């Protein structure tokens, strides 16, 4: 069993039905860049860190992820957490100043750590990731038009005009979560597609990809949605008129892009929407689909829901979509 696989197994073992920590409603200090939110807590010594808010990102139990380089810069303490069958590097983070602090999840944290330390995260301009393991302990309102991120109080209830769209989670026989990764069903070309709900889905467009998509980027990164090659090929065969870009993204050589005219999300129609190709194996039964309630064929990124104010209601397994606040 690889180290990565061991960490994912631990994630599954530590997952549970969402139990929200006690917290007051408050805005989280963030930077909004090209469709991505980065939480920006500041330490008591005045150092700011950037954490990508990524519902499709990993973590363990209730821990978020930090790069080892950021841990060294902060002077935080790295500890070796010893668990049955494997060890991992954790970090006890420095104290954040009151107004910028991150909400603290309920329940014990392995070795007293706040974060798991990773050495091999890509250099995309952030220090770590607030992933599914951490985010799933709260209710989050992500207001894309206002570029504002809010953690809601336990008494939160949806806007009367909001639309509920189910989020899909893997459960065991007792109804407990097997993982914290949310799925969502969208419809393209009359076909329901099960996708990872992924606020962190990232485009690294080539020059031709950026020119075709007309998306904003910061340091070469923007937002996209992903679709597996088999579905991509089916769309292209059925609709040769749908625009396709060859070699459209830097992350994987030869990656294609395809523009679909309409994506249906509950009662909402969004389009046109660009999808970035991903190999089937990336979302197959030994990878992402292993941690989802059903087989998923890609990821729905912020180019689908990024014009809305949305609330990710983990305790009730729902995405609420409301009109933007005035």
C-alpha atoms as a PDB file:
ATOM      1  CA  UNK A   1       0.000   0.000   0.000  1.00  0.00           C
ATOM      2  CA  UNK A   2       1.497   3.339  -1.052  1.00  0.00           C
ATOM      3  CA  UNK A   3       1.814   6.247   1.365  1.00  0.00           C
ATOM      4  CA  UNK A   4      -0.798   8.196  -0.621  1.00  0.00           C
ATOM      5  CA  UNK A   5      -3.178   5.246  -0.500  1.00  0.00           C
ATOM      6  CA  UNK A   6      -2.619   4.872   3.246  1.00  0.00           C
ATOM      7  CA  UNK A   7      -3.523   8.498   3.795  1.00  0.00           C
ATOM      8  CA  UNK A   8      -6.716   8.085   1.773  1.00  0.00           C
ATOM      9  CA  UNK A   9      -7.657   5.015   3.804  1.00  0.00           C
ATOM     10  CA  UNK A  10      -7.147   7.026   6.976  1.00  0.00           C
ATOM     11  CA  UNK A  11      -9.339   9.766   5.510  1.00  0.00           C
ATOM     12  CA  UNK A  12     -12.106   7.240   4.975  1.00  0.00           C
ATOM     13  CA  UNK A  13     -11.767   5.768   8.448  1.00  0.00           C
ATOM     14  CA  UNK A  14     -11.900   9.185  10.069  1.00  0.00           C
ATOM     15  CA  UNK A  15     -14.880  10.446   8.069  1.00  0.00           C
ATOM     16  CA  UNK A  16     -18.286  10.616   9.695  1.00  0.00           C
ATOM     17  CA  UNK A  17     -21.696  12.125   9.189  1.00  0.00           C
ATOM     18  CA  UNK A  18     -21.233  15.885   9.213  1.00  0.00           C
ATOM     19  CA  UNK A  19     -21.090  17.257  12.744  1.00  0.00           C
ATOM     20  CA  UNK A  20     -20.665  20.990  12.629  1.00  0.00           C
ATOM     21  CA  UNK A  21     -18.354  22.637  15.131  1.00  0.00           C
ATOM     22  CA  UNK A  22     -19.705  25.418  17.272  1.00  0.00           C
ATOM     23  CA  UNK A  23     -18.964  28.698  15.548  1.00  0.00           C
ATOM     24  CA  UNK A  24     -20.482  32.101  14.982  1.00  0.00           C
ATOM     25  CA  UNK A  25     -21.310  33.305  11.498  1.00  0.00           C
ATOM     26  CA  UNK A  26     -18.467  35.379  10.145  1.00  0.00           C
ATOM     27  CA  UNK A  27     -16.694  36.298   6.968  1.00  0.00           C
ATOM     28  CA  UNK A  28     -13.372  34.574   6.375  1.00  0.00           C
ATOM     29  CA  UNK A  29     -10.591  36.852   5.118  1.00  0.00           C
ATOM     30  CA  UNK A  30      -9.860  35.779   1.572  1.00  0.00           C
ATOM     31  CA  UNK A  31      -8.241  36.751  -1.674  1.00  0.00           C
ATOM     32  CA  UNK A  32     -10.328  36.076  -4.794  1.00  0.00           C
ATOM     33  CA  UNK A  33      -8.290  35.410  -7.922  1.00  0.00           C
ATOM     34  CA  UNK A  34      -9.581  34.236 -11.295  1.00  0.00           C
ATOM     35  CA  UNK A  35     -12.474  32.273  -9.788  1.00  0.00           C
ATOM     36  CA  UNK A  36     -10.601  30.777  -6.820  1.00  0.00           C
ATOM     37  CA  UNK A  37     -10.935  31.699  -3.153  1.00  0.00           C
ATOM     38  CA  UNK A  38      -7.825  31.686  -0.971  1.00  0.00           C
ATOM     39  CA  UNK A  39      -8.306  31.961   2.786  1.00  0.00           C
ATOM     40  CA  UNK A  40      -5.694  34.333   4.202  1.00  0.00           C
ATOM     41  CA  UNK A  41      -5.335  33.931   7.973  1.00  0.00           C
ATOM     42  CA  UNK A  42      -2.573  35.982   9.596  1.00  0.00           C
ATOM     43  CA  UNK A  43      -0.361  34.718  12.380  1.00  0.00           C
ATOM     44  CA  UNK A  44       0.182  36.663  15.569  1.00  0.00           C
ATOM     45  CA  UNK A  45       3.626  37.574  14.211  1.00  0.00           C
ATOM     46  CA  UNK A  46       2.118  39.147  11.087  1.00  0.00           C
ATOM     47  CA  UNK A  47       2.715  36.400   8.525  1.00  0.00           C
ATOM     48  CA  UNK A  48      -0.110  35.711   6.086  1.00  0.00           C
ATOM     49  CA  UNK A  49      -0.724  32.304   4.517  1.00  0.00           C
ATOM     50  CA  UNK A  50      -2.783  31.439   1.431  1.00  0.00           C
ATOM     51  CA  UNK A  51      -5.015  28.367   1.539  1.00  0.00           C
ATOM     52  CA  UNK A  52      -6.962  27.285  -1.532  1.00  0.00           C
ATOM     53  CA  UNK A  53     -10.632  26.636  -0.679  1.00  0.00           C
ATOM     54  CA  UNK A  54     -11.105  23.322  -2.455  1.00  0.00           C
ATOM     55  CA  UNK A  55     -14.113  21.035  -1.925  1.00  0.00           C
ATOM     56  CA  UNK A  56     -12.384  18.481  -4.136  1.00  0.00           C
ATOM     57  CA  UNK A  57      -9.121  18.635  -2.172  1.00  0.00           C
ATOM     58  CA  UNK A  58      -7.951  16.079   0.342  1.00  0.00           C
ATOM     59  CA  UNK A  59      -6.791  16.171   3.933  1.00  0.00           C
ATOM     60  CA  UNK A  60      -7.333  13.705   6.749  1.00  0.00           C
ATOM     61  CA  UNK A  61      -9.999  13.495   9.414  1.00  0.00           C
ATOM     62  CA  UNK A  62     -10.525  17.184  10.162  1.00  0.00           C
ATOM     63  CA  UNK A  63      -7.077  18.392   9.085  1.00  0.00           C
ATOM     64  CA  UNK A  64      -6.266  20.700   6.222  1.00  0.00           C
ATOM     65  CA  UNK A  65      -3.092  20.522   4.113  1.00  0.00           C
ATOM     66  CA  UNK A  66       0.065  22.617   4.332  1.00  0.00           C
ATOM     67  CA  UNK A  67       3.135  22.606   2.117  1.00  0.00           C
ATOM     68  CA  UNK A  68       6.349  21.739   3.898  1.00  0.00           C
ATOM     69  CA  UNK A  69       7.950  24.905   2.466  1.00  0.00           C
ATOM     70  CA  UNK A  70       5.227  27.039   4.085  1.00  0.00           C
ATOM     71  CA  UNK A  71       5.695  25.292   7.416  1.00  0.00           C
ATOM     72  CA  UNK A  72       9.383  26.158   7.349  1.00  0.00           C
ATOM     73  CA  UNK A  73       8.626  29.783   6.470  1.00  0.00           C
ATOM     74  CA  UNK A  74       6.172  30.087   9.345  1.00  0.00           C
ATOM     75  CA  UNK A  75       8.482  28.420  11.836  1.00  0.00           C
ATOM     76  CA  UNK A  76       5.661  26.033  12.723  1.00  0.00           C
ATOM     77  CA  UNK A  77       6.360  22.729  14.412  1.00  0.00           C
ATOM     78  CA  UNK A  78       6.270  19.553  12.319  1.00  0.00           C
ATOM     79  CA  UNK A  79       5.498  16.362  14.212  1.00  0.00           C
ATOM     80  CA  UNK A  80       5.446  12.714  13.223  1.00  0.00           C
ATOM     81  CA  UNK A  81       2.005  11.254  13.869  1.00  0.00           C
ATOM     82  CA  UNK A  82       2.102   7.507  14.402  1.00  0.00           C
ATOM     83  CA  UNK A  83      -1.101   5.656  13.561  1.00  0.00           C
ATOM     84  CA  UNK A  84      -1.851   1.962  13.122  1.00  0.00           C
ATOM     85  CA  UNK A  85      -0.095   0.845   9.961  1.00  0.00           C
ATOM     86  CA  UNK A  86       1.549   4.115   8.932  1.00  0.00           C
ATOM     87  CA  UNK A  87       2.903   7.494   9.970  1.00  0.00           C
ATOM     88  CA  UNK A  88       2.367  10.962   8.584  1.00  0.00           C
ATOM     89  CA  UNK A  89       3.816  14.426   9.104  1.00  0.00           C
ATOM     90  CA  UNK A  90       1.522  16.854  10.861  1.00  0.00           C
ATOM     91  CA  UNK A  91       1.854  20.476  11.922  1.00  0.00           C
ATOM     92  CA  UNK A  92       0.798  22.392  14.979  1.00  0.00           C
ATOM     93  CA  UNK A  93       0.072  25.738  13.406  1.00  0.00           C
ATOM     94  CA  UNK A  94       0.950  29.088  14.973  1.00  0.00           C
ATOM     95  CA  UNK A  95      -1.783  31.171  16.565  1.00  0.00           C
ATOM     96  CA  UNK A  96      -3.788  33.214  14.080  1.00  0.00           C
ATOM     97  CA  UNK A  97      -4.879  36.741  14.939  1.00  0.00           C
ATOM     98  CA  UNK A  98      -8.475  36.866  16.160  1.00  0.00           C
ATOM     99  CA  UNK A  99     -10.101  38.499  13.164  1.00  0.00           C
ATOM    100  CA  UNK A 100      -8.434  36.216  10.645  1.00  0.00           C
ATOM    101  CA  UNK A 101      -8.514  32.896  12.482  1.00  0.00           C
ATOM    102  CA  UNK A 102      -9.861  29.788  10.826  1.00  0.00           C
ATOM    103  CA  UNK A 103     -12.849  28.047  12.423  1.00  0.00           C
ATOM    104  CA  UNK A 104     -11.823  24.984  14.428  1.00  0.00           C
ATOM    105  CA  UNK A 105     -13.594  21.700  13.619  1.00  0.00           C
ATOM    106  CA  UNK A 106     -15.237  19.690  16.373  1.00  0.00           C
ATOM    107  CA  UNK A 107     -13.608  16.504  17.604  1.00  0.00           C
ATOM    108  CA  UNK A 108     -10.054  15.380  18.341  1.00  0.00           C
ATOM    109  CA  UNK A 109      -7.229  15.992  15.909  1.00  0.00           C
ATOM    110  CA  UNK A 110      -4.543  13.396  15.338  1.00  0.00           C
ATOM    111  CA  UNK A 111      -1.444  14.209  17.439  1.00  0.00           C
ATOM    112  CA  UNK A 112      -2.915  17.594  18.234  1.00  0.00           C
ATOM    113  CA  UNK A 113      -2.117  18.732  14.687  1.00  0.00           C
ATOM    114  CA  UNK A 114      -4.102  21.261  12.674  1.00  0.00           C
ATOM    115  CA  UNK A 115      -2.699  20.259   9.295  1.00  0.00           C
ATOM    116  CA  UNK A 116      -1.085  17.430   7.422  1.00  0.00           C
ATOM    117  CA  UNK A 117       2.236  18.411   5.830  1.00  0.00           C
ATOM    118  CA  UNK A 118       2.824  17.516   2.168  1.00  0.00           C
ATOM    119  CA  UNK A 119       6.062  17.892   0.224  1.00  0.00           C
ATOM    120  CA  UNK A 120       4.842  17.351  -3.329  1.00  0.00           C
ATOM    121  CA  UNK A 121       2.019  19.877  -3.855  1.00  0.00           C
ATOM    122  CA  UNK A 122       2.339  21.789  -7.136  1.00  0.00           C
ATOM    123  CA  UNK A 123       3.683  25.320  -7.005  1.00  0.00           C
ATOM    124  CA  UNK A 124       0.506  27.210  -7.881  1.00  0.00           C
ATOM    125  CA  UNK A 125       0.910  30.188  -5.595  1.00  0.00           C
ATOM    126  CA  UNK A 126      -0.643  28.897  -2.387  1.00  0.00           C
ATOM    127  CA  UNK A 127       0.673  27.547   0.910  1.00  0.00           C
ATOM    128  CA  UNK A 128      -1.903  24.821   1.453  1.00  0.00           C
ATOM    129  CA  UNK A 129      -5.440  23.602   0.884  1.00  0.00           C
ATOM    130  CA  UNK A 130      -8.635  23.776   2.901  1.00  0.00           C
ATOM    131  CA  UNK A 131      -9.916  20.511   1.490  1.00  0.00           C
ATOM    132  CA  UNK A 132     -12.901  18.235   1.932  1.00  0.00           C
ATOM    133  CA  UNK A 133     -11.723  16.785   5.241  1.00  0.00           C
ATOM    134  CA  UNK A 134     -11.685  20.227   6.850  1.00  0.00           C
ATOM    135  CA  UNK A 135     -14.506  22.008   5.009  1.00  0.00           C
ATOM    136  CA  UNK A 136     -17.049  19.247   5.672  1.00  0.00           C
ATOM    137  CA  UNK A 137     -17.299  20.204   9.366  1.00  0.00           C
ATOM    138  CA  UNK A 138     -19.048  23.486   8.548  1.00  0.00           C
ATOM    139  CA  UNK A 139     -21.636  25.223   6.384  1.00  0.00           C
ATOM    140  CA  UNK A 140     -20.009  27.604   3.892  1.00  0.00           C
ATOM    141  CA  UNK A 141     -21.548  30.365   1.816  1.00  0.00           C
ATOM    142  CA  UNK A 142     -19.467  31.115  -1.256  1.00  0.00           C
ATOM    143  CA  UNK A 143     -20.674  34.349  -2.799  1.00  0.00           C
ATOM    144  CA  UNK A 144     -18.946  34.511  -6.160  1.00  0.00           C
ATOM    145  CA  UNK A 145     -20.440  37.820  -7.367  1.00  0.00           C
ATOM    146  CA  UNK A 146     -19.532  39.539  -4.072  1.00  0.00           C
ATOM    147  CA  UNK A 147     -16.243  37.594  -3.824  1.00  0.00           C
ATOM    148  CA  UNK A 148     -16.985  36.754  -0.198  1.00  0.00           C
ATOM    149  CA  UNK A 149     -16.587  33.535   1.827  1.00  0.00           C
ATOM    150  CA  UNK A 150     -18.648  33.067   5.002  1.00  0.00           C
ATOM    151  CA  UNK A 151     -18.730  30.283   7.576  1.00  0.00           C
ATOM    152  CA  UNK A 152     -22.289  29.979   8.854  1.00  0.00           C
ATOM    153  CA  UNK A 153     -23.470  29.407  12.409  1.00  0.00           C
ATOM    154  CA  UNK A 154     -25.059  26.082  13.414  1.00  0.00           C
ATOM    155  CA  UNK A 155     -28.471  27.804  13.353  1.00  0.00           C
ATOM    156  CA  UNK A 156     -28.119  28.731   9.676  1.00  0.00           C
ATOM    157  CA  UNK A 157     -31.097  28.076   7.440  1.00  0.00           C
ATOM    158  CA  UNK A 158     -31.373  28.611   3.687  1.00  0.00           C
ATOM    159  CA  UNK A 159     -32.798  31.675   2.044  1.00  0.00           C
ATOM    160  CA  UNK A 160     -36.493  31.224   1.306  1.00  0.00           C
ATOM    161  CA  UNK A 161     -35.773  31.789  -2.386  1.00  0.00           C
ATOM    162  CA  UNK A 162     -32.797  29.448  -2.559  1.00  0.00           C
ATOM    163  CA  UNK A 163     -32.919  26.280  -4.642  1.00  0.00           C
ATOM    164  CA  UNK A 164     -31.746  22.993  -3.131  1.00  0.00           C
ATOM    165  CA  UNK A 165     -29.574  20.692  -5.221  1.00  0.00           C
ATOM    166  CA  UNK A 166     -28.552  17.391  -3.585  1.00  0.00           C
ATOM    167  CA  UNK A 167     -24.922  16.660  -2.883  1.00  0.00           C
ATOM    168  CA  UNK A 168     -23.940  12.999  -3.061  1.00  0.00           C
ATOM    169  CA  UNK A 169     -21.797  11.334  -0.411  1.00  0.00           C
ATOM    170  CA  UNK A 170     -20.676   7.743   0.062  1.00  0.00           C
ATOM    171  CA  UNK A 171     -22.316   6.129   3.121  1.00  0.00           C
ATOM    172  CA  UNK A 172     -21.843   2.890   4.991  1.00  0.00           C
ATOM    173  CA  UNK A 173     -24.692   0.639   6.145  1.00  0.00           C
ATOM    174  CA  UNK A 174     -25.145   2.794   9.267  1.00  0.00           C
ATOM    175  CA  UNK A 175     -25.573   5.936   7.194  1.00  0.00           C
ATOM    176  CA  UNK A 176     -22.168   7.374   8.145  1.00  0.00           C
ATOM    177  CA  UNK A 177     -19.983   9.018   5.569  1.00  0.00           C
ATOM    178  CA  UNK A 178     -17.219   6.946   4.032  1.00  0.00           C
ATOM    179  CA  UNK A 179     -15.541  10.105   2.752  1.00  0.00           C
ATOM    180  CA  UNK A 180     -16.049  13.863   2.716  1.00  0.00           C
ATOM    181  CA  UNK A 181     -15.984  14.349  -1.062  1.00  0.00           C
ATOM    182  CA  UNK A 182     -19.294  15.738  -2.410  1.00  0.00           C
ATOM    183  CA  UNK A 183     -20.761  14.718  -5.738  1.00  0.00           C
ATOM    184  CA  UNK A 184     -23.299  16.556  -7.858  1.00  0.00           C
ATOM    185  CA  UNK A 185     -25.460  15.583 -10.829  1.00  0.00           C
ATOM    186  CA  UNK A 186     -25.413  17.924 -13.828  1.00  0.00           C
ATOM    187  CA  UNK A 187     -27.017  17.369 -17.203  1.00  0.00           C
ATOM    188  CA  UNK A 188     -25.233  17.864 -20.520  1.00  0.00           C
ATOM    189  CA  UNK A 189     -26.843  17.017 -23.872  1.00  0.00           C
ATOM    190  CA  UNK A 190     -29.760  15.378 -22.055  1.00  0.00           C
ATOM    191  CA  UNK A 191     -27.474  13.022 -20.123  1.00  0.00           C
ATOM    192  CA  UNK A 192     -27.191  13.167 -16.308  1.00  0.00           C
ATOM    193  CA  UNK A 193     -23.550  13.149 -15.260  1.00  0.00           C
ATOM    194  CA  UNK A 194     -22.254  12.420 -11.775  1.00  0.00           C
ATOM    195  CA  UNK A 195     -19.356  14.740 -11.040  1.00  0.00           C
ATOM    196  CA  UNK A 196     -17.170  15.740  -8.128  1.00  0.00           C
ATOM    197  CA  UNK A 197     -18.287  19.125  -6.758  1.00  0.00           C
ATOM    198  CA  UNK A 198     -14.934  20.862  -6.978  1.00  0.00           C
ATOM    199  CA  UNK A 199     -14.372  24.519  -6.082  1.00  0.00           C
ATOM    200  CA  UNK A 200     -10.653  24.005  -6.651  1.00  0.00           C
ATOM    201  CA  UNK A 201     -10.797  22.656 -10.225  1.00  0.00           C
ATOM    202  CA  UNK A 202      -7.940  24.501 -11.899  1.00  0.00           C
ATOM    203  CA  UNK A 203      -7.162  25.402 -15.485  1.00  0.00           C
ATOM    204  CA  UNK A 204      -3.584  26.037 -16.543  1.00  0.00           C
ATOM    205  CA  UNK A 205      -4.384  27.033 -20.118  1.00  0.00           C
ATOM    206  CA  UNK A 206      -1.897  27.165 -22.937  1.00  0.00           C
ATOM    207  CA  UNK A 207      -1.905  30.255 -25.116  1.00  0.00           C
ATOM    208  CA  UNK A 208      -4.432  28.649 -27.468  1.00  0.00           C
ATOM    209  CA  UNK A 209      -6.537  27.423 -24.560  1.00  0.00           C
ATOM    210  CA  UNK A 210      -6.696  30.842 -22.962  1.00  0.00           C
ATOM    211  CA  UNK A 211      -7.537  32.521 -26.267  1.00  0.00           C
ATOM    212  CA  UNK A 212     -10.419  30.123 -26.896  1.00  0.00           C
ATOM    213  CA  UNK A 213     -11.919  30.160 -23.405  1.00  0.00           C
ATOM    214  CA  UNK A 214     -11.553  33.886 -22.701  1.00  0.00           C
ATOM    215  CA  UNK A 215     -11.084  33.101 -19.012  1.00  0.00           C
ATOM    216  CA  UNK A 216      -9.274  35.251 -16.514  1.00  0.00           C
ATOM    217  CA  UNK A 217      -6.058  33.863 -15.058  1.00  0.00           C
ATOM    218  CA  UNK A 218      -3.630  34.895 -12.346  1.00  0.00           C
ATOM    219  CA  UNK A 219      -0.081  33.603 -12.751  1.00  0.00           C
ATOM    220  CA  UNK A 220      -1.420  31.294 -15.439  1.00  0.00           C
ATOM    221  CA  UNK A 221      -4.173  29.666 -13.343  1.00  0.00           C
ATOM    222  CA  UNK A 222      -7.936  29.963 -13.749  1.00  0.00           C
ATOM    223  CA  UNK A 223     -10.987  27.764 -13.249  1.00  0.00           C
ATOM    224  CA  UNK A 224     -12.428  24.956 -15.309  1.00  0.00           C
ATOM    225  CA  UNK A 225     -14.457  21.756 -15.087  1.00  0.00           C
ATOM    226  CA  UNK A 226     -13.113  18.279 -15.901  1.00  0.00           C
ATOM    227  CA  UNK A 227     -14.523  15.476 -18.047  1.00  0.00           C
ATOM    228  CA  UNK A 228     -13.039  12.028 -18.700  1.00  0.00           C
ATOM    229  CA  UNK A 229     -11.745  11.123 -22.145  1.00  0.00           C
ATOM    230  CA  UNK A 230     -14.491   8.583 -22.905  1.00  0.00           C
ATOM    231  CA  UNK A 231     -17.249  11.151 -22.347  1.00  0.00           C
ATOM    232  CA  UNK A 232     -15.222  13.803 -24.209  1.00  0.00           C
ATOM    233  CA  UNK A 233     -14.971  11.487 -27.222  1.00  0.00           C
ATOM    234  CA  UNK A 234     -18.689  10.735 -27.106  1.00  0.00           C
ATOM    235  CA  UNK A 235     -19.579  14.425 -27.056  1.00  0.00           C
ATOM    236  CA  UNK A 236     -17.206  15.134 -29.918  1.00  0.00           C
ATOM    237  CA  UNK A 237     -18.570  12.268 -32.030  1.00  0.00           C
ATOM    238  CA  UNK A 238     -22.175  13.363 -31.496  1.00  0.00           C
ATOM    239  CA  UNK A 239     -21.493  17.077 -31.872  1.00  0.00           C
ATOM    240  CA  UNK A 240     -18.512  17.803 -34.132  1.00  0.00           C
ATOM    241  CA  UNK A 241     -19.665  21.433 -34.137  1.00  0.00           C
ATOM    242  CA  UNK A 242     -18.821  21.853 -30.437  1.00  0.00           C
ATOM    243  CA  UNK A 243     -15.512  23.739 -30.296  1.00  0.00           C
ATOM    244  CA  UNK A 244     -12.443  21.673 -29.378  1.00  0.00           C
ATOM    245  CA  UNK A 245      -8.947  22.947 -28.566  1.00  0.00           C
ATOM    246  CA  UNK A 246      -5.968  20.617 -28.887  1.00  0.00           C
ATOM    247  CA  UNK A 247      -3.143  20.993 -26.385  1.00  0.00           C
ATOM    248  CA  UNK A 248      -5.280  23.411 -24.418  1.00  0.00           C
ATOM    249  CA  UNK A 249      -3.879  22.956 -20.904  1.00  0.00           C
ATOM    250  CA  UNK A 250      -0.333  22.795 -19.544  1.00  0.00           C
ATOM    251  CA  UNK A 251      -0.845  20.379 -16.653  1.00  0.00           C
ATOM    252  CA  UNK A 252      -1.080  17.205 -18.755  1.00  0.00           C
ATOM    253  CA  UNK A 253       0.585  17.293 -22.210  1.00  0.00           C
ATOM    254  CA  UNK A 254      -1.879  16.843 -25.050  1.00  0.00           C
ATOM    255  CA  UNK A 255      -4.918  17.803 -22.986  1.00  0.00           C
ATOM    256  CA  UNK A 256      -7.944  18.815 -25.047  1.00  0.00           C
ATOM    257  CA  UNK A 257     -10.706  21.281 -24.189  1.00  0.00           C
ATOM    258  CA  UNK A 258     -14.321  21.106 -25.324  1.00  0.00           C
ATOM    259  CA  UNK A 259     -17.067  23.708 -25.091  1.00  0.00           C
ATOM    260  CA  UNK A 260     -20.586  22.468 -24.380  1.00  0.00           C
ATOM    261  CA  UNK A 261     -23.435  24.883 -25.132  1.00  0.00           C
ATOM    262  CA  UNK A 262     -25.486  24.260 -21.999  1.00  0.00           C
ATOM    263  CA  UNK A 263     -25.130  22.677 -18.557  1.00  0.00           C
ATOM    264  CA  UNK A 264     -28.249  22.085 -16.471  1.00  0.00           C
ATOM    265  CA  UNK A 265     -27.890  22.355 -12.694  1.00  0.00           C
ATOM    266  CA  UNK A 266     -31.287  21.795 -11.099  1.00  0.00           C
ATOM    267  CA  UNK A 267     -33.530  24.478 -12.672  1.00  0.00           C
ATOM    268  CA  UNK A 268     -30.554  26.567 -13.787  1.00  0.00           C
ATOM    269  CA  UNK A 269     -29.011  26.594 -17.240  1.00  0.00           C
ATOM    270  CA  UNK A 270     -25.404  27.694 -17.579  1.00  0.00           C
ATOM    271  CA  UNK A 271     -23.458  27.980 -20.756  1.00  0.00           C
ATOM    272  CA  UNK A 272     -21.481  27.761 -22.771  1.00  0.00           C
ATOM    273  CA  UNK A 273     -19.084  25.900 -20.462  1.00  0.00           C
ATOM    274  CA  UNK A 274     -15.567  24.641 -21.203  1.00  0.00           C
ATOM    275  CA  UNK A 275     -14.459  21.234 -19.928  1.00  0.00           C
ATOM    276  CA  UNK A 276     -10.838  20.137 -19.638  1.00  0.00           C
ATOM    277  CA  UNK A 277     -10.056  16.524 -20.550  1.00  0.00           C
ATOM    278  CA  UNK A 278      -8.831  14.097 -17.898  1.00  0.00           C
ATOM    279  CA  UNK A 279      -7.889  10.416 -18.361  1.00  0.00           C
ATOM    280  CA  UNK A 280     -10.643   7.991 -17.371  1.00  0.00           C
ATOM    281  CA  UNK A 281      -8.330   6.421 -14.792  1.00  0.00           C
ATOM    282  CA  UNK A 282      -8.185   9.697 -12.822  1.00  0.00           C
ATOM    283  CA  UNK A 283     -11.858   9.345 -11.900  1.00  0.00           C
ATOM    284  CA  UNK A 284     -12.085   5.556 -12.144  1.00  0.00           C
ATOM    285  CA  UNK A 285     -12.841   2.927  -9.494  1.00  0.00           C
ATOM    286  CA  UNK A 286      -9.305   2.951  -8.099  1.00  0.00           C
ATOM    287  CA  UNK A 287      -9.074   6.741  -7.889  1.00  0.00           C
ATOM    288  CA  UNK A 288     -11.746   9.394  -7.313  1.00  0.00           C
ATOM    289  CA  UNK A 289     -14.766   7.109  -7.704  1.00  0.00           C
ATOM    290  CA  UNK A 290     -13.399   4.947  -4.878  1.00  0.00           C
ATOM    291  CA  UNK A 291     -14.313   7.781  -2.472  1.00  0.00           C
ATOM    292  CA  UNK A 292     -17.650   8.787  -4.013  1.00  0.00           C
ATOM    293  CA  UNK A 293     -21.106   7.319  -3.669  1.00  0.00           C
ATOM    294  CA  UNK A 294     -21.160   6.348  -7.338  1.00  0.00           C
ATOM    295  CA  UNK A 295     -18.878   6.388 -10.360  1.00  0.00           C
ATOM    296  CA  UNK A 296     -17.985   9.966 -11.277  1.00  0.00           C
ATOM    297  CA  UNK A 297     -16.856  11.068 -14.715  1.00  0.00           C
ATOM    298  CA  UNK A 298     -15.274  14.416 -13.950  1.00  0.00           C
ATOM    299  CA  UNK A 299     -15.574  17.488 -11.772  1.00  0.00           C
ATOM    300  CA  UNK A 300     -17.865  20.513 -11.758  1.00  0.00           C
ATOM    301  CA  UNK A 301     -15.764  23.617 -11.222  1.00  0.00           C
ATOM    302  CA  UNK A 302     -16.476  27.276 -10.650  1.00  0.00           C
ATOM    303  CA  UNK A 303     -17.030  27.980 -14.335  1.00  0.00           C
ATOM    304  CA  UNK A 304     -20.387  26.219 -13.794  1.00  0.00           C
ATOM    305  CA  UNK A 305     -21.625  27.845 -10.575  1.00  0.00           C
ATOM    306  CA  UNK A 306     -19.325  30.859 -10.336  1.00  0.00           C
ATOM    307  CA  UNK A 307     -21.981  33.446 -11.156  1.00  0.00           C
ATOM    308  CA  UNK A 308     -24.127  32.436  -8.162  1.00  0.00           C
ATOM    309  CA  UNK A 309     -24.151  32.807  -4.411  1.00  0.00           C
ATOM    310  CA  UNK A 310     -24.042  29.227  -3.176  1.00  0.00           C
ATOM    311  CA  UNK A 311     -24.091  27.584   0.236  1.00  0.00           C
ATOM    312  CA  UNK A 312     -22.413  24.217   0.713  1.00  0.00           C
ATOM    313  CA  UNK A 313     -24.567  22.659   3.433  1.00  0.00           C
ATOM    314  CA  UNK A 314     -22.564  19.599   4.448  1.00  0.00           C
ATOM    315  CA  UNK A 315     -24.783  18.543   7.397  1.00  0.00           C
ATOM    316  CA  UNK A 316     -27.821  18.310   5.115  1.00  0.00           C
ATOM    317  CA  UNK A 317     -25.909  17.118   2.034  1.00  0.00           C
ATOM    318  CA  UNK A 318     -27.143  19.967  -0.099  1.00  0.00           C
ATOM    319  CA  UNK A 319     -26.011  22.814  -2.287  1.00  0.00           C
ATOM    320  CA  UNK A 320     -28.224  25.878  -2.009  1.00  0.00           C
ATOM    321  CA  UNK A 321     -28.229  28.356  -4.868  1.00  0.00           C
ATOM    322  CA  UNK A 322     -29.598  31.820  -4.272  1.00  0.00           C
ATOM    323  CA  UNK A 323     -29.564  35.094  -6.158  1.00  0.00           C
ATOM    324  CA  UNK A 324     -26.550  37.277  -5.378  1.00  0.00           C
ATOM    325  CA  UNK A 325     -26.889  39.572  -2.405  1.00  0.00           C
ATOM    326  CA  UNK A 326     -27.485  43.241  -3.306  1.00  0.00           C
END
